[in-house]
């Protein structure tokens, strides 16, 4: 991508674009739960209190990364989990890579030791993407989900900042 990608915290004006991204990217190939939000208010309620960063190109929000601690336990304060999404029309332009790079750098500055995620086994492009970005497989949850009449594996990947 030739244009500059700016990564910044979520702003109120970003919610309609995020709603469009969320409603366009989740399928049974990449999520055990199909997310669909009928309104910006419904979406805002779902993400209230989350740390979301957006990728902006020419004032258009093209992707996001949502980070959070896995649990409220004090022993989880050095770990983040995340979900990431890039608008289908903007995938393969480096936006996801930039979002991950931003979170890795921010995590390191904030003393976060581990960044992790789970990904469906059927989402082979995402698995390849995470590996390419330095994530290692930590776990395989065999037949974790039953989706559309078939069992589906789930993987956990992690990146260690130190």
N, C-alpha and C. Protein backbone atom coordinates (compact mmCIF):
# COMPACT_ATOMS: atom_id res chain seq x y z
N UNK A 1 0.85 -1.17 0.00
CA UNK A 1 0.00 0.00 0.00
C UNK A 1 0.89 1.23 0.00
N UNK A 2 0.63 2.18 -0.90
CA UNK A 2 1.44 3.38 -1.04
C UNK A 2 1.05 4.46 -0.04
N UNK A 3 -0.18 4.48 0.40
CA UNK A 3 -0.65 5.52 1.30
C UNK A 3 -0.31 5.16 2.74
N UNK A 4 -0.14 6.19 3.56
CA UNK A 4 0.23 5.99 4.96
C UNK A 4 -0.94 5.41 5.75
N UNK A 5 -0.62 4.37 6.53
CA UNK A 5 -1.59 3.77 7.43
C UNK A 5 -1.33 4.36 8.81
N UNK A 6 -2.34 4.99 9.38
CA UNK A 6 -2.22 5.56 10.72
C UNK A 6 -2.98 4.66 11.68
N UNK A 7 -2.30 4.25 12.75
CA UNK A 7 -2.94 3.44 13.78
C UNK A 7 -3.17 4.38 14.97
N UNK A 8 -4.43 4.41 15.44
CA UNK A 8 -4.76 5.29 16.56
C UNK A 8 -5.90 4.69 17.37
N UNK A 9 -6.10 5.21 18.59
CA UNK A 9 -7.23 4.71 19.40
C UNK A 9 -8.57 5.02 18.73
N UNK A 10 -9.53 4.19 19.01
CA UNK A 10 -10.90 4.36 18.51
C UNK A 10 -11.48 5.70 18.94
N UNK A 11 -12.16 6.36 18.01
CA UNK A 11 -12.88 7.60 18.29
C UNK A 11 -14.36 7.38 17.99
N UNK A 12 -15.19 8.21 18.55
CA UNK A 12 -16.64 8.10 18.38
C UNK A 12 -17.04 8.05 16.90
N UNK A 13 -16.40 8.84 16.09
CA UNK A 13 -16.74 8.91 14.66
C UNK A 13 -16.43 7.61 13.91
N UNK A 14 -15.66 6.69 14.52
CA UNK A 14 -15.25 5.45 13.86
C UNK A 14 -16.29 4.34 13.91
N UNK A 15 -17.27 4.47 14.80
CA UNK A 15 -18.19 3.36 15.02
C UNK A 15 -18.95 2.89 13.77
N UNK A 16 -19.47 3.77 12.92
CA UNK A 16 -20.16 3.25 11.72
C UNK A 16 -19.25 2.40 10.83
N UNK A 17 -18.00 2.81 10.66
CA UNK A 17 -17.07 2.03 9.83
C UNK A 17 -16.75 0.70 10.49
N UNK A 18 -16.57 0.71 11.81
CA UNK A 18 -16.29 -0.55 12.51
C UNK A 18 -17.47 -1.50 12.42
N UNK A 19 -18.66 -0.97 12.54
CA UNK A 19 -19.87 -1.80 12.41
C UNK A 19 -19.89 -2.47 11.03
N UNK A 20 -19.58 -1.72 9.99
CA UNK A 20 -19.55 -2.29 8.64
C UNK A 20 -18.50 -3.40 8.53
N UNK A 21 -17.31 -3.17 9.10
CA UNK A 21 -16.26 -4.18 9.05
C UNK A 21 -16.71 -5.43 9.80
N UNK A 22 -17.16 -5.25 11.04
CA UNK A 22 -17.61 -6.39 11.86
C UNK A 22 -18.69 -7.20 11.14
N UNK A 23 -19.64 -6.51 10.54
CA UNK A 23 -20.76 -7.21 9.89
C UNK A 23 -20.37 -7.85 8.57
N UNK A 24 -19.18 -7.56 8.06
CA UNK A 24 -18.79 -8.12 6.76
C UNK A 24 -17.73 -9.21 6.83
N UNK A 25 -17.06 -9.36 7.98
CA UNK A 25 -15.91 -10.28 7.99
C UNK A 25 -16.15 -11.63 8.65
N UNK A 26 -17.11 -11.74 9.54
CA UNK A 26 -17.24 -12.99 10.30
C UNK A 26 -18.12 -14.00 9.58
N UNK A 27 -17.56 -15.21 9.42
CA UNK A 27 -18.27 -16.33 8.80
C UNK A 27 -18.01 -17.58 9.63
N UNK A 28 -18.64 -18.68 9.28
CA UNK A 28 -18.35 -19.94 9.95
C UNK A 28 -16.96 -20.47 9.63
N UNK A 29 -16.28 -19.87 8.68
CA UNK A 29 -14.90 -20.25 8.37
C UNK A 29 -13.91 -19.64 9.35
N UNK A 30 -14.28 -18.50 9.99
CA UNK A 30 -13.31 -17.83 10.85
C UNK A 30 -13.81 -17.53 12.26
N UNK A 31 -15.03 -17.94 12.59
CA UNK A 31 -15.54 -17.67 13.93
C UNK A 31 -16.60 -18.70 14.32
N UNK A 32 -16.55 -19.18 15.56
CA UNK A 32 -17.60 -20.11 16.00
C UNK A 32 -18.92 -19.39 16.28
N UNK A 33 -18.87 -18.07 16.33
CA UNK A 33 -20.07 -17.25 16.56
C UNK A 33 -20.17 -16.23 15.44
N UNK A 34 -21.30 -16.19 14.77
CA UNK A 34 -21.48 -15.19 13.73
C UNK A 34 -21.90 -13.88 14.38
N UNK A 35 -21.06 -12.88 14.21
CA UNK A 35 -21.35 -11.56 14.77
C UNK A 35 -22.13 -10.76 13.75
N UNK A 36 -23.22 -10.20 14.17
CA UNK A 36 -23.94 -9.25 13.33
C UNK A 36 -24.62 -8.27 14.26
N UNK A 37 -24.39 -7.01 14.00
CA UNK A 37 -24.96 -5.96 14.83
C UNK A 37 -25.93 -5.15 13.98
N UNK A 38 -27.10 -4.89 14.53
CA UNK A 38 -28.14 -4.19 13.79
C UNK A 38 -28.01 -2.67 13.85
N UNK A 39 -27.22 -2.18 14.79
CA UNK A 39 -27.09 -0.73 14.92
C UNK A 39 -25.74 -0.39 15.56
N UNK A 40 -25.35 0.85 15.38
CA UNK A 40 -24.13 1.34 16.01
C UNK A 40 -24.26 1.25 17.52
N UNK A 41 -25.44 1.56 18.05
CA UNK A 41 -25.64 1.49 19.51
C UNK A 41 -25.43 0.07 20.03
N UNK A 42 -25.96 -0.92 19.32
CA UNK A 42 -25.78 -2.31 19.72
C UNK A 42 -24.29 -2.67 19.71
N UNK A 43 -23.58 -2.25 18.68
CA UNK A 43 -22.15 -2.52 18.59
C UNK A 43 -21.38 -1.81 19.70
N UNK A 44 -21.71 -0.54 19.94
CA UNK A 44 -21.03 0.21 21.00
C UNK A 44 -21.23 -0.45 22.35
N UNK A 45 -22.39 -0.99 22.60
CA UNK A 45 -22.65 -1.67 23.87
C UNK A 45 -21.75 -2.90 24.01
N UNK A 46 -21.58 -3.62 22.92
CA UNK A 46 -20.75 -4.83 22.94
C UNK A 46 -19.29 -4.53 23.22
N UNK A 47 -18.77 -3.41 22.73
CA UNK A 47 -17.35 -3.12 22.87
C UNK A 47 -17.04 -2.12 23.99
N UNK A 48 -18.02 -1.75 24.74
CA UNK A 48 -17.83 -0.79 25.82
C UNK A 48 -16.72 -1.26 26.77
N UNK A 49 -15.76 -0.40 27.02
CA UNK A 49 -14.68 -0.72 27.93
C UNK A 49 -13.51 -1.44 27.29
N UNK A 50 -13.59 -1.75 26.01
CA UNK A 50 -12.49 -2.46 25.33
C UNK A 50 -11.46 -1.44 24.85
N UNK A 51 -10.24 -1.91 24.64
CA UNK A 51 -9.18 -1.10 24.04
C UNK A 51 -9.12 -1.45 22.56
N UNK A 52 -9.62 -0.54 21.75
CA UNK A 52 -9.67 -0.78 20.31
C UNK A 52 -8.83 0.28 19.61
N UNK A 53 -8.02 -0.20 18.68
CA UNK A 53 -7.22 0.68 17.84
C UNK A 53 -7.66 0.47 16.40
N UNK A 54 -7.66 1.54 15.63
CA UNK A 54 -8.12 1.46 14.25
C UNK A 54 -6.98 1.81 13.30
N UNK A 55 -7.05 1.24 12.11
CA UNK A 55 -6.12 1.55 11.03
C UNK A 55 -6.87 2.47 10.07
N UNK A 56 -6.31 3.65 9.85
CA UNK A 56 -6.96 4.68 9.05
C UNK A 56 -6.07 5.03 7.86
N UNK A 57 -6.70 5.09 6.69
CA UNK A 57 -6.02 5.53 5.48
C UNK A 57 -6.91 6.58 4.83
N UNK A 58 -6.37 7.77 4.63
CA UNK A 58 -7.15 8.87 4.04
C UNK A 58 -8.49 9.07 4.75
N UNK A 59 -8.47 9.09 6.06
CA UNK A 59 -9.66 9.32 6.91
C UNK A 59 -10.67 8.18 6.88
N UNK A 60 -10.34 7.07 6.23
CA UNK A 60 -11.24 5.91 6.20
C UNK A 60 -10.71 4.82 7.12
N UNK A 61 -11.57 4.31 8.00
CA UNK A 61 -11.20 3.21 8.87
C UNK A 61 -11.27 1.92 8.07
N UNK A 62 -10.12 1.23 7.95
CA UNK A 62 -10.06 0.02 7.14
C UNK A 62 -9.81 -1.24 7.97
N UNK A 63 -9.50 -1.08 9.25
CA UNK A 63 -9.26 -2.23 10.09
C UNK A 63 -9.23 -1.84 11.56
N UNK A 64 -9.20 -2.86 12.41
CA UNK A 64 -9.17 -2.63 13.85
C UNK A 64 -8.47 -3.79 14.55
N UNK A 65 -8.04 -3.52 15.76
CA UNK A 65 -7.56 -4.57 16.65
C UNK A 65 -8.10 -4.24 18.04
N UNK A 66 -8.68 -5.25 18.65
CA UNK A 66 -9.36 -5.12 19.95
C UNK A 66 -8.56 -5.94 20.95
N UNK A 67 -7.95 -5.26 21.94
CA UNK A 67 -7.11 -5.96 22.91
C UNK A 67 -7.76 -5.94 24.30
N UNK A 68 -7.52 -7.01 25.03
CA UNK A 68 -8.06 -7.11 26.38
C UNK A 68 -7.29 -8.19 27.14
N UNK A 69 -7.35 -8.12 28.46
CA UNK A 69 -6.77 -9.18 29.28
C UNK A 69 -7.68 -10.40 29.18
N UNK A 70 -7.13 -11.61 29.22
CA UNK A 70 -7.96 -12.81 29.08
C UNK A 70 -9.02 -12.95 30.17
N UNK A 71 -8.68 -12.53 31.38
CA UNK A 71 -9.61 -12.58 32.51
C UNK A 71 -9.33 -11.36 33.38
N UNK A 72 -10.19 -11.09 34.34
CA UNK A 72 -9.91 -9.98 35.27
C UNK A 72 -8.93 -10.36 36.38
N UNK A 73 -8.43 -11.57 36.38
CA UNK A 73 -7.49 -12.01 37.41
C UNK A 73 -6.22 -11.16 37.40
N UNK A 74 -5.72 -10.85 38.57
CA UNK A 74 -4.47 -10.09 38.68
C UNK A 74 -3.32 -10.83 37.98
N UNK A 75 -3.36 -12.15 38.03
CA UNK A 75 -2.31 -12.95 37.41
C UNK A 75 -2.32 -12.90 35.87
N UNK A 76 -3.34 -12.28 35.29
CA UNK A 76 -3.41 -12.13 33.83
C UNK A 76 -3.07 -10.71 33.36
N UNK A 77 -2.54 -9.88 34.26
CA UNK A 77 -2.27 -8.49 33.87
C UNK A 77 -1.09 -8.33 32.92
N UNK A 78 -0.33 -9.39 32.71
CA UNK A 78 0.83 -9.33 31.79
C UNK A 78 0.54 -10.01 30.46
N UNK A 79 -0.74 -10.27 30.20
CA UNK A 79 -1.13 -10.92 28.95
C UNK A 79 -2.31 -10.18 28.32
N UNK A 80 -2.26 -10.07 27.01
CA UNK A 80 -3.38 -9.55 26.23
C UNK A 80 -3.85 -10.63 25.28
N UNK A 81 -5.14 -10.64 25.04
CA UNK A 81 -5.72 -11.40 23.93
C UNK A 81 -6.26 -10.36 22.96
N UNK A 82 -6.47 -10.76 21.73
CA UNK A 82 -6.96 -9.78 20.77
C UNK A 82 -7.84 -10.44 19.71
N UNK A 83 -8.62 -9.57 19.08
CA UNK A 83 -9.28 -9.93 17.83
C UNK A 83 -8.92 -8.83 16.85
N UNK A 84 -8.87 -9.20 15.60
CA UNK A 84 -8.42 -8.27 14.57
C UNK A 84 -9.34 -8.42 13.36
N UNK A 85 -9.58 -7.34 12.67
CA UNK A 85 -10.40 -7.39 11.47
C UNK A 85 -9.99 -6.31 10.49
N UNK A 86 -9.99 -6.67 9.23
CA UNK A 86 -9.69 -5.73 8.15
C UNK A 86 -10.82 -5.83 7.14
N UNK A 87 -11.29 -4.68 6.67
CA UNK A 87 -12.37 -4.66 5.68
C UNK A 87 -11.98 -5.57 4.50
N UNK A 88 -12.91 -6.40 4.03
CA UNK A 88 -12.59 -7.32 2.93
C UNK A 88 -11.94 -6.66 1.72
N UNK A 89 -12.37 -5.44 1.38
CA UNK A 89 -11.80 -4.75 0.22
C UNK A 89 -10.37 -4.27 0.46
N UNK A 90 -9.92 -4.30 1.70
CA UNK A 90 -8.59 -3.79 2.04
C UNK A 90 -7.65 -4.87 2.55
N UNK A 91 -8.05 -6.13 2.47
CA UNK A 91 -7.19 -7.21 2.94
C UNK A 91 -6.02 -7.40 1.98
N UNK A 92 -4.93 -7.90 2.51
CA UNK A 92 -3.68 -8.14 1.77
C UNK A 92 -2.97 -6.86 1.35
N UNK A 93 -3.24 -5.75 2.06
CA UNK A 93 -2.56 -4.49 1.78
C UNK A 93 -1.59 -4.10 2.89
N UNK A 94 -1.39 -4.99 3.86
CA UNK A 94 -0.47 -4.70 4.94
C UNK A 94 -1.11 -4.09 6.17
N UNK A 95 -2.40 -3.91 6.17
CA UNK A 95 -3.09 -3.27 7.29
C UNK A 95 -3.04 -4.16 8.54
N UNK A 96 -3.32 -5.44 8.39
CA UNK A 96 -3.26 -6.36 9.52
C UNK A 96 -1.86 -6.42 10.11
N UNK A 97 -0.87 -6.46 9.25
CA UNK A 97 0.53 -6.48 9.71
C UNK A 97 0.84 -5.22 10.53
N UNK A 98 0.39 -4.08 10.04
CA UNK A 98 0.64 -2.81 10.76
C UNK A 98 -0.06 -2.81 12.11
N UNK A 99 -1.28 -3.32 12.17
CA UNK A 99 -2.01 -3.39 13.43
C UNK A 99 -1.28 -4.28 14.43
N UNK A 100 -0.82 -5.44 13.98
CA UNK A 100 -0.07 -6.33 14.87
C UNK A 100 1.24 -5.69 15.33
N UNK A 101 1.93 -5.03 14.44
CA UNK A 101 3.19 -4.37 14.80
C UNK A 101 2.93 -3.30 15.86
N UNK A 102 1.86 -2.56 15.71
CA UNK A 102 1.51 -1.52 16.68
C UNK A 102 1.23 -2.13 18.05
N UNK A 103 0.47 -3.21 18.08
CA UNK A 103 0.12 -3.84 19.35
C UNK A 103 1.35 -4.48 20.00
N UNK A 104 2.21 -5.10 19.21
CA UNK A 104 3.45 -5.67 19.76
C UNK A 104 4.29 -4.58 20.43
N UNK A 105 4.45 -3.45 19.74
CA UNK A 105 5.25 -2.35 20.27
C UNK A 105 4.60 -1.78 21.53
N UNK A 106 3.30 -1.57 21.50
CA UNK A 106 2.58 -1.04 22.65
C UNK A 106 2.65 -2.00 23.83
N UNK A 107 2.49 -3.29 23.56
CA UNK A 107 2.56 -4.30 24.62
C UNK A 107 3.93 -4.28 25.29
N UNK A 108 4.96 -4.21 24.51
CA UNK A 108 6.31 -4.19 25.05
C UNK A 108 6.51 -2.97 25.96
N UNK A 109 6.03 -1.80 25.52
CA UNK A 109 6.15 -0.58 26.32
C UNK A 109 5.37 -0.67 27.63
N UNK A 110 4.25 -1.39 27.62
CA UNK A 110 3.39 -1.48 28.80
C UNK A 110 3.69 -2.69 29.68
N UNK A 111 4.74 -3.41 29.36
CA UNK A 111 5.13 -4.55 30.18
C UNK A 111 4.28 -5.79 29.99
N UNK A 112 3.61 -5.88 28.85
CA UNK A 112 2.83 -7.08 28.53
C UNK A 112 3.80 -8.12 27.98
N UNK A 113 3.80 -9.29 28.56
CA UNK A 113 4.74 -10.36 28.18
C UNK A 113 4.23 -11.21 27.02
N UNK A 114 2.91 -11.41 26.97
CA UNK A 114 2.34 -12.37 26.01
C UNK A 114 1.10 -11.77 25.35
N UNK A 115 1.01 -11.95 24.04
CA UNK A 115 -0.16 -11.55 23.26
C UNK A 115 -0.68 -12.83 22.61
N UNK A 116 -1.94 -13.14 22.82
CA UNK A 116 -2.45 -14.41 22.29
C UNK A 116 -3.80 -14.25 21.60
N UNK A 117 -4.15 -15.28 20.87
CA UNK A 117 -5.43 -15.33 20.17
C UNK A 117 -5.80 -16.77 19.91
N UNK A 118 -7.05 -16.97 19.58
CA UNK A 118 -7.50 -18.28 19.11
C UNK A 118 -8.02 -18.12 17.70
N UNK A 119 -7.81 -19.16 16.90
CA UNK A 119 -8.20 -19.12 15.49
C UNK A 119 -8.69 -20.50 15.07
N UNK A 120 -9.77 -20.52 14.32
CA UNK A 120 -10.33 -21.79 13.83
C UNK A 120 -9.36 -22.47 12.86
N UNK A 121 -9.30 -23.78 12.94
CA UNK A 121 -8.46 -24.54 12.03
C UNK A 121 -8.82 -24.36 10.57
N UNK A 122 -10.08 -24.06 10.29
CA UNK A 122 -10.52 -23.85 8.91
C UNK A 122 -10.04 -22.52 8.34
N UNK A 123 -9.54 -21.64 9.19
CA UNK A 123 -9.09 -20.32 8.76
C UNK A 123 -7.59 -20.35 8.44
N UNK A 124 -7.25 -21.11 7.42
CA UNK A 124 -5.84 -21.35 7.10
C UNK A 124 -5.08 -20.08 6.71
N UNK A 125 -5.75 -19.14 6.06
CA UNK A 125 -5.08 -17.89 5.69
C UNK A 125 -4.67 -17.11 6.93
N UNK A 126 -5.54 -17.09 7.94
CA UNK A 126 -5.22 -16.39 9.19
C UNK A 126 -4.08 -17.08 9.92
N UNK A 127 -4.10 -18.40 9.95
CA UNK A 127 -3.03 -19.15 10.61
C UNK A 127 -1.68 -18.81 9.96
N UNK A 128 -1.66 -18.80 8.64
CA UNK A 128 -0.44 -18.45 7.91
C UNK A 128 -0.02 -17.01 8.23
N UNK A 129 -0.98 -16.10 8.30
CA UNK A 129 -0.72 -14.69 8.62
C UNK A 129 -0.08 -14.55 10.00
N UNK A 130 -0.65 -15.23 11.00
CA UNK A 130 -0.10 -15.12 12.36
C UNK A 130 1.30 -15.70 12.43
N UNK A 131 1.52 -16.82 11.80
CA UNK A 131 2.88 -17.41 11.79
C UNK A 131 3.87 -16.46 11.13
N UNK A 132 3.47 -15.88 10.02
CA UNK A 132 4.33 -14.94 9.29
C UNK A 132 4.68 -13.73 10.17
N UNK A 133 3.80 -13.39 11.12
CA UNK A 133 4.00 -12.25 11.99
C UNK A 133 4.59 -12.63 13.35
N UNK A 134 5.21 -13.81 13.43
CA UNK A 134 5.96 -14.18 14.61
C UNK A 134 5.20 -14.89 15.71
N UNK A 135 3.96 -15.26 15.47
CA UNK A 135 3.18 -15.97 16.47
C UNK A 135 3.48 -17.47 16.38
N UNK A 136 3.50 -18.12 17.54
CA UNK A 136 3.74 -19.55 17.57
C UNK A 136 2.50 -20.27 18.10
N UNK A 137 2.31 -21.47 17.62
CA UNK A 137 1.17 -22.27 18.08
C UNK A 137 1.46 -22.78 19.49
N UNK A 138 0.54 -22.51 20.40
CA UNK A 138 0.66 -22.99 21.78
C UNK A 138 -0.22 -24.20 22.04
N UNK A 139 -1.37 -24.24 21.38
CA UNK A 139 -2.31 -25.31 21.70
C UNK A 139 -3.17 -25.64 20.49
N UNK A 140 -3.61 -26.88 20.47
CA UNK A 140 -4.59 -27.35 19.51
C UNK A 140 -5.75 -27.91 20.32
N UNK A 141 -6.93 -27.35 20.10
CA UNK A 141 -8.15 -27.84 20.72
C UNK A 141 -8.89 -28.65 19.66
N UNK A 142 -8.66 -29.96 19.67
CA UNK A 142 -9.20 -30.86 18.66
C UNK A 142 -10.72 -30.92 18.76
N UNK A 143 -11.39 -30.81 17.61
CA UNK A 143 -12.86 -30.88 17.54
C UNK A 143 -13.52 -29.97 18.57
N UNK A 144 -13.01 -28.78 18.71
CA UNK A 144 -13.48 -27.83 19.73
C UNK A 144 -14.90 -27.34 19.47
N UNK A 145 -15.23 -27.16 18.20
CA UNK A 145 -16.55 -26.63 17.84
C UNK A 145 -17.25 -27.56 16.86
N UNK A 146 -18.56 -27.55 16.90
CA UNK A 146 -19.40 -28.28 15.94
C UNK A 146 -20.14 -27.22 15.14
N UNK A 147 -19.69 -27.01 13.90
CA UNK A 147 -20.21 -25.93 13.06
C UNK A 147 -20.71 -26.52 11.75
N UNK A 148 -21.94 -26.21 11.40
CA UNK A 148 -22.52 -26.68 10.14
C UNK A 148 -22.38 -28.19 9.96
N UNK A 149 -22.62 -28.92 11.04
CA UNK A 149 -22.61 -30.38 10.97
C UNK A 149 -21.24 -31.02 10.98
N UNK A 150 -20.18 -30.22 11.25
CA UNK A 150 -18.82 -30.77 11.24
C UNK A 150 -18.07 -30.28 12.47
N UNK A 151 -17.16 -31.11 12.97
CA UNK A 151 -16.28 -30.68 14.04
C UNK A 151 -15.16 -29.82 13.46
N UNK A 152 -14.74 -28.85 14.24
CA UNK A 152 -13.70 -27.92 13.79
C UNK A 152 -12.67 -27.74 14.90
N UNK A 153 -11.42 -27.83 14.53
CA UNK A 153 -10.34 -27.60 15.47
C UNK A 153 -10.20 -26.10 15.75
N UNK A 154 -9.62 -25.79 16.90
CA UNK A 154 -9.33 -24.41 17.26
C UNK A 154 -7.88 -24.38 17.75
N UNK A 155 -7.14 -23.36 17.35
CA UNK A 155 -5.74 -23.23 17.73
C UNK A 155 -5.56 -21.99 18.60
N UNK A 156 -4.60 -22.07 19.50
CA UNK A 156 -4.18 -20.88 20.22
C UNK A 156 -2.77 -20.55 19.79
N UNK A 157 -2.56 -19.28 19.44
CA UNK A 157 -1.27 -18.77 19.04
C UNK A 157 -0.85 -17.68 20.01
N UNK A 158 0.44 -17.49 20.15
CA UNK A 158 0.95 -16.45 21.03
C UNK A 158 2.22 -15.82 20.48
N UNK A 159 2.41 -14.59 20.88
CA UNK A 159 3.63 -13.85 20.61
C UNK A 159 4.17 -13.38 21.95
N UNK A 160 5.45 -13.58 22.19
CA UNK A 160 6.06 -13.20 23.45
C UNK A 160 6.94 -11.97 23.22
N UNK A 161 6.70 -10.92 24.00
CA UNK A 161 7.42 -9.66 23.80
C UNK A 161 8.79 -9.69 24.45
N UNK A 162 8.98 -10.58 25.41
CA UNK A 162 10.30 -10.64 26.08
C UNK A 162 10.60 -12.06 26.50
